[in-house]
All heavy atoms as atom14 arrays in JSON, in Angstrom:
{
  "sequence": "GDLTRDPLTFPAQRDVRLQALARGDEGFLLGLGYSTQRGYGGSHPF",
  "atom14_mask": [
    [1, 1, 1, 1, 0, 0, 0, 0, 0, 0, 0, 0, 0, 0],
    [1, 1, 1, 1, 1, 1, 1, 1, 0, 0, 0, 0, 0, 0],
    [1, 1, 1, 1, 1, 1, 1, 1, 0, 0, 0, 0, 0, 0],
    [1, 1, 1, 1, 1, 1, 1, 0, 0, 0, 0, 0, 0, 0],
    [1, 1, 1, 1, 1, 1, 1, 1, 1, 1, 1, 0, 0, 0],
    [1, 1, 1, 1, 1, 1, 1, 1, 0, 0, 0, 0, 0, 0],
    [1, 1, 1, 1, 1, 1, 1, 0, 0, 0, 0, 0, 0, 0],
    [1, 1, 1, 1, 1, 1, 1, 1, 0, 0, 0, 0, 0, 0],
    [1, 1, 1, 1, 1, 1, 1, 0, 0, 0, 0, 0, 0, 0],
    [1, 1, 1, 1, 1, 1, 1, 1, 1, 1, 1, 0, 0, 0],
    [1, 1, 1, 1, 1, 1, 1, 0, 0, 0, 0, 0, 0, 0],
    [1, 1, 1, 1, 1, 0, 0, 0, 0, 0, 0, 0, 0, 0],
    [1, 1, 1, 1, 1, 1, 1, 1, 1, 0, 0, 0, 0, 0],
    [1, 1, 1, 1, 1, 1, 1, 1, 1, 1, 1, 0, 0, 0],
    [1, 1, 1, 1, 1, 1, 1, 1, 0, 0, 0, 0, 0, 0],
    [1, 1, 1, 1, 1, 1, 1, 0, 0, 0, 0, 0, 0, 0],
    [1, 1, 1, 1, 1, 1, 1, 1, 1, 1, 1, 0, 0, 0],
    [1, 1, 1, 1, 1, 1, 1, 1, 0, 0, 0, 0, 0, 0],
    [1, 1, 1, 1, 1, 1, 1, 1, 1, 0, 0, 0, 0, 0],
    [1, 1, 1, 1, 1, 0, 0, 0, 0, 0, 0, 0, 0, 0],
    [1, 1, 1, 1, 1, 1, 1, 1, 0, 0, 0, 0, 0, 0],
    [1, 1, 1, 1, 1, 0, 0, 0, 0, 0, 0, 0, 0, 0],
    [1, 1, 1, 1, 1, 1, 1, 1, 1, 1, 1, 0, 0, 0],
    [1, 1, 1, 1, 0, 0, 0, 0, 0, 0, 0, 0, 0, 0],
    [1, 1, 1, 1, 1, 1, 1, 1, 0, 0, 0, 0, 0, 0],
    [1, 1, 1, 1, 1, 1, 1, 1, 1, 0, 0, 0, 0, 0],
    [1, 1, 1, 1, 0, 0, 0, 0, 0, 0, 0, 0, 0, 0],
    [1, 1, 1, 1, 1, 1, 1, 1, 1, 1, 1, 0, 0, 0],
    [1, 1, 1, 1, 1, 1, 1, 1, 0, 0, 0, 0, 0, 0],
    [1, 1, 1, 1, 1, 1, 1, 1, 0, 0, 0, 0, 0, 0],
    [1, 1, 1, 1, 0, 0, 0, 0, 0, 0, 0, 0, 0, 0],
    [1, 1, 1, 1, 1, 1, 1, 1, 0, 0, 0, 0, 0, 0],
    [1, 1, 1, 1, 0, 0, 0, 0, 0, 0, 0, 0, 0, 0],
    [1, 1, 1, 1, 1, 1, 1, 1, 1, 1, 1, 1, 0, 0],
    [1, 1, 1, 1, 1, 1, 0, 0, 0, 0, 0, 0, 0, 0],
    [1, 1, 1, 1, 1, 1, 1, 0, 0, 0, 0, 0, 0, 0],
    [1, 1, 1, 1, 1, 1, 1, 1, 1, 0, 0, 0, 0, 0],
    [1, 1, 1, 1, 1, 1, 1, 1, 1, 1, 1, 0, 0, 0],
    [1, 1, 1, 1, 0, 0, 0, 0, 0, 0, 0, 0, 0, 0],
    [1, 1, 1, 1, 1, 1, 1, 1, 1, 1, 1, 1, 0, 0],
    [1, 1, 1, 1, 0, 0, 0, 0, 0, 0, 0, 0, 0, 0],
    [1, 1, 1, 1, 0, 0, 0, 0, 0, 0, 0, 0, 0, 0],
    [1, 1, 1, 1, 1, 1, 0, 0, 0, 0, 0, 0, 0, 0],
    [1, 1, 1, 1, 1, 1, 1, 1, 1, 1, 0, 0, 0, 0],
    [1, 1, 1, 1, 1, 1, 1, 0, 0, 0, 0, 0, 0, 0],
    [1, 1, 1, 1, 1, 1, 1, 1, 1, 1, 1, 0, 0, 0]
  ],
  "atom14_positions": [
    [[-49.09, 112.4, 3.4], [-49.71, 112.38, 2.09], [-49.77, 110.97, 1.52], [-49.17, 110.04, 2.06], [0.0, 0.0, 0.0], [0.0, 0.0, 0.0], [0.0, 0.0, 0.0], [0.0, 0.0, 0.0], [0.0, 0.0, 0.0], [0.0, 0.0, 0.0], [0.0, 0.0, 0.0], [0.0, 0.0, 0.0], [0.0, 0.0, 0.0], [0.0, 0.0, 0.0]],
    [[-50.5, 110.8, 0.45], [-50.68, 109.47, -0.16], [-50.66, 109.63, -1.67], [-51.67, 109.99, -2.29], [-51.99, 108.84, 0.3], [-52.13, 107.4, -0.16], [-51.32, 106.95, -1.0], [-53.05, 106.71, 0.31], [0.0, 0.0, 0.0], [0.0, 0.0, 0.0], [0.0, 0.0, 0.0], [0.0, 0.0, 0.0], [0.0, 0.0, 0.0], [0.0, 0.0, 0.0]],
    [[-49.5, 109.36, -2.27], [-49.37, 109.51, -3.71], [-50.22, 108.51, -4.49], [-50.5, 108.74, -5.66], [-47.9, 109.32, -4.12], [-47.01, 110.56, -4.11], [-45.62, 110.19, -4.59], [-47.59, 111.64, -4.98], [0.0, 0.0, 0.0], [0.0, 0.0, 0.0], [0.0, 0.0, 0.0], [0.0, 0.0, 0.0], [0.0, 0.0, 0.0], [0.0, 0.0, 0.0]],
    [[-50.63, 107.41, -3.85], [-51.43, 106.42, -4.56], [-52.88, 106.87, -4.7], [-53.63, 106.28, -5.47], [-51.39, 105.07, -3.84], [-52.03, 105.18, -2.56], [-49.96, 104.61, -3.64], [0.0, 0.0, 0.0], [0.0, 0.0, 0.0], [0.0, 0.0, 0.0], [0.0, 0.0, 0.0], [0.0, 0.0, 0.0], [0.0, 0.0, 0.0], [0.0, 0.0, 0.0]],
    [[-53.26, 107.91, -3.96], [-54.64, 108.38, -4.03], [-54.76, 109.84, -4.45], [-55.79, 110.25, -4.99], [-55.32, 108.19, -2.66], [-55.55, 106.73, -2.31], [-56.44, 106.6, -1.09], [-56.87, 105.21, -0.91], [-57.75, 104.83, 0.01], [-58.28, 105.72, 0.83], [-58.1, 103.57, 0.12], [0.0, 0.0, 0.0], [0.0, 0.0, 0.0], [0.0, 0.0, 0.0]],
    [[-53.74, 110.62, -4.15], [-53.79, 112.04, -4.45], [-52.7, 112.39, -5.45], [-51.58, 111.88, -5.37], [-53.59, 112.87, -3.17], [-54.64, 112.55, -2.12], [-55.83, 112.48, -2.49], [-54.27, 112.35, -0.95], [0.0, 0.0, 0.0], [0.0, 0.0, 0.0], [0.0, 0.0, 0.0], [0.0, 0.0, 0.0], [0.0, 0.0, 0.0], [0.0, 0.0, 0.0]],
    [[-53.0, 113.28, -6.4], [-51.98, 113.65, -7.39], [-50.85, 114.44, -6.73], [-51.02, 115.08, -5.69], [-52.76, 114.51, -8.39], [-53.93, 115.04, -7.61], [-54.28, 113.97, -6.63], [0.0, 0.0, 0.0], [0.0, 0.0, 0.0], [0.0, 0.0, 0.0], [0.0, 0.0, 0.0], [0.0, 0.0, 0.0], [0.0, 0.0, 0.0], [0.0, 0.0, 0.0]],
    [[-49.7, 114.39, -7.36], [-48.53, 115.12, -6.88], [-48.74, 116.61, -7.05], [-49.09, 117.09, -8.14], [-47.29, 114.67, -7.66], [-45.97, 115.35, -7.32], [-45.55, 115.03, -5.89], [-44.88, 114.91, -8.3], [0.0, 0.0, 0.0], [0.0, 0.0, 0.0], [0.0, 0.0, 0.0], [0.0, 0.0, 0.0], [0.0, 0.0, 0.0], [0.0, 0.0, 0.0]],
    [[-48.56, 117.36, -5.97], [-48.66, 118.81, -6.01], [-47.43, 119.42, -5.35], [-46.73, 118.75, -4.59], [-49.93, 119.33, -5.3], [-49.91, 118.88, -3.92], [-51.19, 118.81, -5.98], [0.0, 0.0, 0.0], [0.0, 0.0, 0.0], [0.0, 0.0, 0.0], [0.0, 0.0, 0.0], [0.0, 0.0, 0.0], [0.0, 0.0, 0.0], [0.0, 0.0, 0.0]],
    [[-47.2, 120.69, -5.63], [-46.05, 121.38, -5.07], [-46.49, 122.63, -4.33], [-47.5, 123.25, -4.72], [-45.06, 121.73, -6.19], [-44.45, 120.53, -6.85], [-44.98, 120.01, -8.02], [-43.37, 119.89, -6.28], [-44.44, 118.9, -8.61], [-42.8, 118.78, -6.86], [-43.34, 118.28, -8.03], [0.0, 0.0, 0.0], [0.0, 0.0, 0.0], [0.0, 0.0, 0.0]],
    [[-45.79, 123.0, -3.28], [-44.57, 122.37, -2.76], [-44.87, 121.02, -2.12], [-45.86, 120.89, -1.39], [-44.06, 123.37, -1.72], [-45.29, 124.1, -1.27], [-46.18, 124.18, -2.47], [0.0, 0.0, 0.0], [0.0, 0.0, 0.0], [0.0, 0.0, 0.0], [0.0, 0.0, 0.0], [0.0, 0.0, 0.0], [0.0, 0.0, 0.0], [0.0, 0.0, 0.0]],
    [[-44.04, 120.03, -2.41], [-44.22, 118.68, -1.87], [-43.43, 118.54, -0.58], [-42.22, 118.82, -0.55], [-43.75, 117.65, -2.89], [0.0, 0.0, 0.0], [0.0, 0.0, 0.0], [0.0, 0.0, 0.0], [0.0, 0.0, 0.0], [0.0, 0.0, 0.0], [0.0, 0.0, 0.0], [0.0, 0.0, 0.0], [0.0, 0.0, 0.0], [0.0, 0.0, 0.0]],
    [[-44.09, 118.11, 0.46], [-43.41, 117.9, 1.73], [-42.56, 116.64, 1.67], [-42.68, 115.82, 0.75], [-44.43, 117.81, 2.87], [-45.27, 119.07, 3.03], [-44.42, 120.31, 3.24], [-43.51, 120.32, 4.08], [-44.69, 121.38, 2.48], [0.0, 0.0, 0.0], [0.0, 0.0, 0.0], [0.0, 0.0, 0.0], [0.0, 0.0, 0.0], [0.0, 0.0, 0.0]],
    [[-41.72, 116.46, 2.68], [-40.75, 115.37, 2.64], [-41.42, 114.0, 2.64], [-40.91, 113.05, 2.02], [-39.78, 115.47, 3.81], [-38.54, 114.6, 3.64], [-37.58, 114.78, 4.76], [-36.39, 113.96, 4.58], [-35.66, 113.48, 5.57], [-35.99, 113.77, 6.83], [-34.6, 112.74, 5.35], [0.0, 0.0, 0.0], [0.0, 0.0, 0.0], [0.0, 0.0, 0.0]],
    [[-42.57, 113.84, 3.31], [-43.23, 112.54, 3.32], [-43.65, 112.14, 1.9], [-43.48, 110.98, 1.5], [-44.44, 112.55, 4.26], [-45.45, 113.64, 3.92], [-45.06, 114.64, 3.3], [-46.62, 113.49, 4.29], [0.0, 0.0, 0.0], [0.0, 0.0, 0.0], [0.0, 0.0, 0.0], [0.0, 0.0, 0.0], [0.0, 0.0, 0.0], [0.0, 0.0, 0.0]],
    [[-44.15, 113.09, 1.13], [-44.54, 112.8, -0.24], [-43.3, 112.57, -1.1], [-43.28, 111.67, -1.95], [-45.39, 113.95, -0.81], [-45.65, 113.77, -2.31], [-46.73, 114.03, -0.06], [0.0, 0.0, 0.0], [0.0, 0.0, 0.0], [0.0, 0.0, 0.0], [0.0, 0.0, 0.0], [0.0, 0.0, 0.0], [0.0, 0.0, 0.0], [0.0, 0.0, 0.0]],
    [[-42.26, 113.35, -0.87], [-41.04, 113.18, -1.65], [-40.46, 111.78, -1.44], [-40.03, 111.11, -2.4], [-40.01, 114.25, -1.28], [-40.49, 115.67, -1.48], [-39.34, 116.66, -1.57], [-38.45, 116.63, -0.43], [-38.41, 117.54, 0.52], [-39.28, 118.56, 0.5], [-37.53, 117.47, 1.51], [0.0, 0.0, 0.0], [0.0, 0.0, 0.0], [0.0, 0.0, 0.0]],
    [[-40.45, 111.33, -0.2], [-39.9, 110.0, 0.09], [-40.75, 108.9, -0.54], [-40.23, 107.89, -1.01], [-39.79, 109.79, 1.6], [-38.69, 110.59, 2.29], [-38.79, 110.45, 3.81], [-37.3, 110.16, 1.82], [0.0, 0.0, 0.0], [0.0, 0.0, 0.0], [0.0, 0.0, 0.0], [0.0, 0.0, 0.0], [0.0, 0.0, 0.0], [0.0, 0.0, 0.0]],
    [[-42.07, 109.08, -0.55], [-42.93, 108.1, -1.23], [-42.58, 108.0, -2.71], [-42.48, 106.91, -3.27], [-44.4, 108.51, -1.09], [-45.0, 108.32, 0.29], [-46.44, 108.76, 0.32], [-47.24, 108.38, -0.53], [-46.78, 109.57, 1.31], [0.0, 0.0, 0.0], [0.0, 0.0, 0.0], [0.0, 0.0, 0.0], [0.0, 0.0, 0.0], [0.0, 0.0, 0.0]],
    [[-42.41, 109.16, -3.33], [-42.1, 109.16, -4.76], [-40.75, 108.51, -5.03], [-40.6, 107.74, -5.99], [-42.1, 110.6, -5.29], [0.0, 0.0, 0.0], [0.0, 0.0, 0.0], [0.0, 0.0, 0.0], [0.0, 0.0, 0.0], [0.0, 0.0, 0.0], [0.0, 0.0, 0.0], [0.0, 0.0, 0.0], [0.0, 0.0, 0.0], [0.0, 0.0, 0.0]],
    [[-39.77, 108.78, -4.18], [-38.45, 108.19, -4.37], [-38.49, 106.69, -4.14], [-37.81, 105.92, -4.84], [-37.44, 108.84, -3.42], [-37.14, 110.32, -3.63], [-36.12, 110.8, -2.61], [-36.65, 110.6, -5.04], [0.0, 0.0, 0.0], [0.0, 0.0, 0.0], [0.0, 0.0, 0.0], [0.0, 0.0, 0.0], [0.0, 0.0, 0.0], [0.0, 0.0, 0.0]],
    [[-39.28, 106.24, -3.15], [-39.31, 104.82, -2.82], [-39.8, 103.97, -3.97], [-39.38, 102.82, -4.14], [-40.19, 104.59, -1.58], [0.0, 0.0, 0.0], [0.0, 0.0, 0.0], [0.0, 0.0, 0.0], [0.0, 0.0, 0.0], [0.0, 0.0, 0.0], [0.0, 0.0, 0.0], [0.0, 0.0, 0.0], [0.0, 0.0, 0.0], [0.0, 0.0, 0.0]],
    [[-40.69, 104.52, -4.79], [-41.17, 103.74, -5.93], [-40.66, 104.31, -7.26], [-41.17, 103.98, -8.32], [-42.69, 103.65, -5.92], [-43.43, 104.95, -6.12], [-44.93, 104.67, -6.07], [-45.72, 105.74, -6.64], [-46.99, 105.61, -6.99], [-47.6, 104.45, -6.83], [-47.67, 106.61, -7.5], [0.0, 0.0, 0.0], [0.0, 0.0, 0.0], [0.0, 0.0, 0.0]],
    [[-39.65, 105.17, -7.18], [-39.06, 105.74, -8.38], [-38.13, 104.76, -9.07], [-37.78, 103.71, -8.54], [0.0, 0.0, 0.0], [0.0, 0.0, 0.0], [0.0, 0.0, 0.0], [0.0, 0.0, 0.0], [0.0, 0.0, 0.0], [0.0, 0.0, 0.0], [0.0, 0.0, 0.0], [0.0, 0.0, 0.0], [0.0, 0.0, 0.0], [0.0, 0.0, 0.0]],
    [[-37.71, 105.13, -10.26], [-36.84, 104.28, -11.06], [-35.44, 104.23, -10.47], [-34.82, 105.28, -10.23], [-36.78, 104.8, -12.49], [-35.92, 103.92, -13.38], [-36.39, 102.85, -13.77], [-34.77, 104.31, -13.66], [0.0, 0.0, 0.0], [0.0, 0.0, 0.0], [0.0, 0.0, 0.0], [0.0, 0.0, 0.0], [0.0, 0.0, 0.0], [0.0, 0.0, 0.0]],
    [[-34.94, 103.04, -10.25], [-33.63, 102.88, -9.62], [-32.52, 103.52, -10.44], [-31.64, 104.21, -9.9], [-33.33, 101.4, -9.39], [-31.98, 101.14, -8.75], [-31.73, 99.67, -8.5], [-32.64, 98.97, -8.04], [-30.59, 99.23, -8.75], [0.0, 0.0, 0.0], [0.0, 0.0, 0.0], [0.0, 0.0, 0.0], [0.0, 0.0, 0.0], [0.0, 0.0, 0.0]],
    [[-32.55, 103.32, -11.74], [-31.49, 103.87, -12.59], [-31.48, 105.39, -12.59], [-30.42, 106.01, -12.53], [0.0, 0.0, 0.0], [0.0, 0.0, 0.0], [0.0, 0.0, 0.0], [0.0, 0.0, 0.0], [0.0, 0.0, 0.0], [0.0, 0.0, 0.0], [0.0, 0.0, 0.0], [0.0, 0.0, 0.0], [0.0, 0.0, 0.0], [0.0, 0.0, 0.0]],
    [[-32.65, 105.99, -12.65], [-32.74, 107.45, -12.64], [-32.21, 108.01, -11.32], [-31.42, 108.96, -11.31], [-34.19, 107.88, -12.85], [-34.4, 109.36, -12.87], [-34.1, 110.11, -13.99], [-34.91, 110.02, -11.76], [-34.3, 111.49, -14.02], [-35.11, 111.39, -11.76], [-34.81, 112.12, -12.9], [0.0, 0.0, 0.0], [0.0, 0.0, 0.0], [0.0, 0.0, 0.0]],
    [[-32.63, 107.41, -10.21], [-32.18, 107.89, -8.91], [-30.68, 107.64, -8.73], [-29.98, 108.44, -8.11], [-32.97, 107.22, -7.79], [-34.46, 107.54, -7.76], [-35.12, 106.83, -6.59], [-34.69, 109.04, -7.67], [0.0, 0.0, 0.0], [0.0, 0.0, 0.0], [0.0, 0.0, 0.0], [0.0, 0.0, 0.0], [0.0, 0.0, 0.0], [0.0, 0.0, 0.0]],
    [[-30.19, 106.52, -9.25], [-28.77, 106.24, -9.16], [-27.96, 107.3, -9.91], [-26.93, 107.78, -9.42], [-28.48, 104.85, -9.73], [-27.04, 104.35, -9.63], [-26.61, 104.2, -8.18], [-26.89, 103.02, -10.38], [0.0, 0.0, 0.0], [0.0, 0.0, 0.0], [0.0, 0.0, 0.0], [0.0, 0.0, 0.0], [0.0, 0.0, 0.0], [0.0, 0.0, 0.0]],
    [[-28.42, 107.68, -11.1], [-27.73, 108.71, -11.85], [-27.75, 110.05, -11.13], [-26.74, 110.76, -11.09], [0.0, 0.0, 0.0], [0.0, 0.0, 0.0], [0.0, 0.0, 0.0], [0.0, 0.0, 0.0], [0.0, 0.0, 0.0], [0.0, 0.0, 0.0], [0.0, 0.0, 0.0], [0.0, 0.0, 0.0], [0.0, 0.0, 0.0], [0.0, 0.0, 0.0]],
    [[-28.89, 110.4, -10.54], [-28.96, 111.65, -9.8], [-28.07, 111.61, -8.56], [-27.38, 112.58, -8.25], [-30.41, 111.92, -9.38], [-31.36, 112.43, -10.45], [-32.76, 112.58, -9.87], [-30.9, 113.76, -11.04], [0.0, 0.0, 0.0], [0.0, 0.0, 0.0], [0.0, 0.0, 0.0], [0.0, 0.0, 0.0], [0.0, 0.0, 0.0], [0.0, 0.0, 0.0]],
    [[-28.1, 110.47, -7.85], [-27.25, 110.34, -6.68], [-25.78, 110.46, -7.04], [-25.0, 111.11, -6.33], [0.0, 0.0, 0.0], [0.0, 0.0, 0.0], [0.0, 0.0, 0.0], [0.0, 0.0, 0.0], [0.0, 0.0, 0.0], [0.0, 0.0, 0.0], [0.0, 0.0, 0.0], [0.0, 0.0, 0.0], [0.0, 0.0, 0.0], [0.0, 0.0, 0.0]],
    [[-25.4, 109.85, -8.15], [-24.03, 109.94, -8.63], [-23.65, 111.38, -8.96], [-22.54, 111.84, -8.68], [-23.88, 109.04, -9.86], [-22.51, 109.0, -10.49], [-21.36, 108.92, -9.72], [-22.38, 109.02, -11.88], [-20.1, 108.87, -10.33], [-21.14, 108.98, -12.49], [-20.0, 108.9, -11.71], [-18.76, 108.86, -12.3], [0.0, 0.0, 0.0], [0.0, 0.0, 0.0]],
    [[-24.6, 112.11, -9.54], [-24.33, 113.5, -9.9], [-24.01, 114.34, -8.67], [-23.17, 115.24, -8.73], [-25.51, 114.1, -10.67], [-26.61, 114.39, -9.82], [0.0, 0.0, 0.0], [0.0, 0.0, 0.0], [0.0, 0.0, 0.0], [0.0, 0.0, 0.0], [0.0, 0.0, 0.0], [0.0, 0.0, 0.0], [0.0, 0.0, 0.0], [0.0, 0.0, 0.0]],
    [[-24.67, 114.06, -7.54], [-24.4, 114.83, -6.32], [-22.98, 114.57, -5.81], [-22.37, 115.44, -5.2], [-25.39, 114.5, -5.2], [-25.2, 113.14, -4.73], [-26.83, 114.66, -5.67], [0.0, 0.0, 0.0], [0.0, 0.0, 0.0], [0.0, 0.0, 0.0], [0.0, 0.0, 0.0], [0.0, 0.0, 0.0], [0.0, 0.0, 0.0], [0.0, 0.0, 0.0]],
    [[-22.47, 113.39, -6.08], [-21.12, 113.05, -5.63], [-20.04, 113.64, -6.55], [-18.89, 113.75, -6.15], [-20.95, 111.53, -5.55], [-21.84, 110.88, -4.5], [-21.7, 109.37, -4.52], [-22.37, 108.68, -5.28], [-20.82, 108.86, -3.69], [0.0, 0.0, 0.0], [0.0, 0.0, 0.0], [0.0, 0.0, 0.0], [0.0, 0.0, 0.0], [0.0, 0.0, 0.0]],
    [[-20.45, 114.02, -7.76], [-19.5, 114.59, -8.72], [-19.56, 116.11, -8.76], [-19.04, 116.74, -9.68], [-19.76, 114.01, -10.12], [-19.57, 112.51, -10.2], [-19.57, 112.0, -11.64], [-18.42, 112.51, -12.38], [-18.49, 113.44, -13.33], [-19.66, 113.99, -13.65], [-17.41, 113.82, -13.96], [0.0, 0.0, 0.0], [0.0, 0.0, 0.0], [0.0, 0.0, 0.0]],
    [[-20.19, 116.71, -7.75], [-20.17, 118.16, -7.66], [-21.45, 118.85, -8.02], [-21.57, 120.06, -7.84], [0.0, 0.0, 0.0], [0.0, 0.0, 0.0], [0.0, 0.0, 0.0], [0.0, 0.0, 0.0], [0.0, 0.0, 0.0], [0.0, 0.0, 0.0], [0.0, 0.0, 0.0], [0.0, 0.0, 0.0], [0.0, 0.0, 0.0], [0.0, 0.0, 0.0]],
    [[-22.44, 118.13, -8.55], [-23.71, 118.75, -8.91], [-24.69, 118.64, -7.74], [-25.72, 117.98, -7.82], [-24.29, 118.08, -10.16], [-23.41, 118.28, -11.38], [-22.41, 117.36, -11.69], [-23.57, 119.39, -12.2], [-21.59, 117.54, -12.8], [-22.75, 119.58, -13.31], [-21.77, 118.65, -13.59], [-20.96, 118.83, -14.69], [0.0, 0.0, 0.0], [0.0, 0.0, 0.0]],
    [[-24.34, 119.27, -6.65], [-25.2, 119.19, -5.48], [-24.5, 119.67, -4.22], [-25.15, 120.04, -3.26], [0.0, 0.0, 0.0], [0.0, 0.0, 0.0], [0.0, 0.0, 0.0], [0.0, 0.0, 0.0], [0.0, 0.0, 0.0], [0.0, 0.0, 0.0], [0.0, 0.0, 0.0], [0.0, 0.0, 0.0], [0.0, 0.0, 0.0], [0.0, 0.0, 0.0]],
    [[-23.2, 119.67, -4.24], [-22.44, 120.26, -3.14], [-22.57, 119.53, -1.82], [-22.46, 120.15, -0.77], [0.0, 0.0, 0.0], [0.0, 0.0, 0.0], [0.0, 0.0, 0.0], [0.0, 0.0, 0.0], [0.0, 0.0, 0.0], [0.0, 0.0, 0.0], [0.0, 0.0, 0.0], [0.0, 0.0, 0.0], [0.0, 0.0, 0.0], [0.0, 0.0, 0.0]],
    [[-22.79, 118.22, -1.83], [-22.86, 117.48, -0.57], [-21.75, 116.44, -0.51], [-21.31, 115.93, -1.54], [-24.23, 116.79, -0.42], [-24.42, 115.83, -1.44], [0.0, 0.0, 0.0], [0.0, 0.0, 0.0], [0.0, 0.0, 0.0], [0.0, 0.0, 0.0], [0.0, 0.0, 0.0], [0.0, 0.0, 0.0], [0.0, 0.0, 0.0], [0.0, 0.0, 0.0]],
    [[-21.31, 116.14, 0.7], [-20.26, 115.14, 0.89], [-20.83, 114.05, 1.79], [-20.82, 114.18, 3.02], [-19.02, 115.77, 1.51], [-17.86, 114.83, 1.6], [-17.34, 114.18, 0.51], [-17.14, 114.4, 2.66], [-16.33, 113.4, 0.88], [-16.19, 113.52, 2.19], [0.0, 0.0, 0.0], [0.0, 0.0, 0.0], [0.0, 0.0, 0.0], [0.0, 0.0, 0.0]],
    [[-21.36, 112.97, 1.21], [-22.09, 111.98, 2.0], [-21.19, 110.88, 2.58], [-20.14, 110.54, 2.03], [-23.05, 111.37, 0.98], [-22.29, 111.44, -0.31], [-21.45, 112.69, -0.23], [0.0, 0.0, 0.0], [0.0, 0.0, 0.0], [0.0, 0.0, 0.0], [0.0, 0.0, 0.0], [0.0, 0.0, 0.0], [0.0, 0.0, 0.0], [0.0, 0.0, 0.0]],
    [[-21.63, 110.34, 3.7], [-21.07, 109.13, 4.29], [-22.23, 108.16, 4.51], [-23.32, 108.57, 4.93], [-20.41, 109.42, 5.64], [-19.23, 110.33, 5.57], [-19.37, 111.7, 5.72], [-17.96, 109.83, 5.36], [-18.29, 112.55, 5.67], [-16.86, 110.67, 5.31], [-17.02, 112.03, 5.45], [0.0, 0.0, 0.0], [0.0, 0.0, 0.0], [0.0, 0.0, 0.0]]
  ]
}
């Protein structure tokens, strides 16, 4: 997919999701990533 030419639609496949994250706001993504480590996501990352 190409978010720069096509509007975001759902369900969004992983290629589109990664495009959106790559140009997303660092602070917003940092807060969300932090939330997953504090139990709001149930993942244990390395």
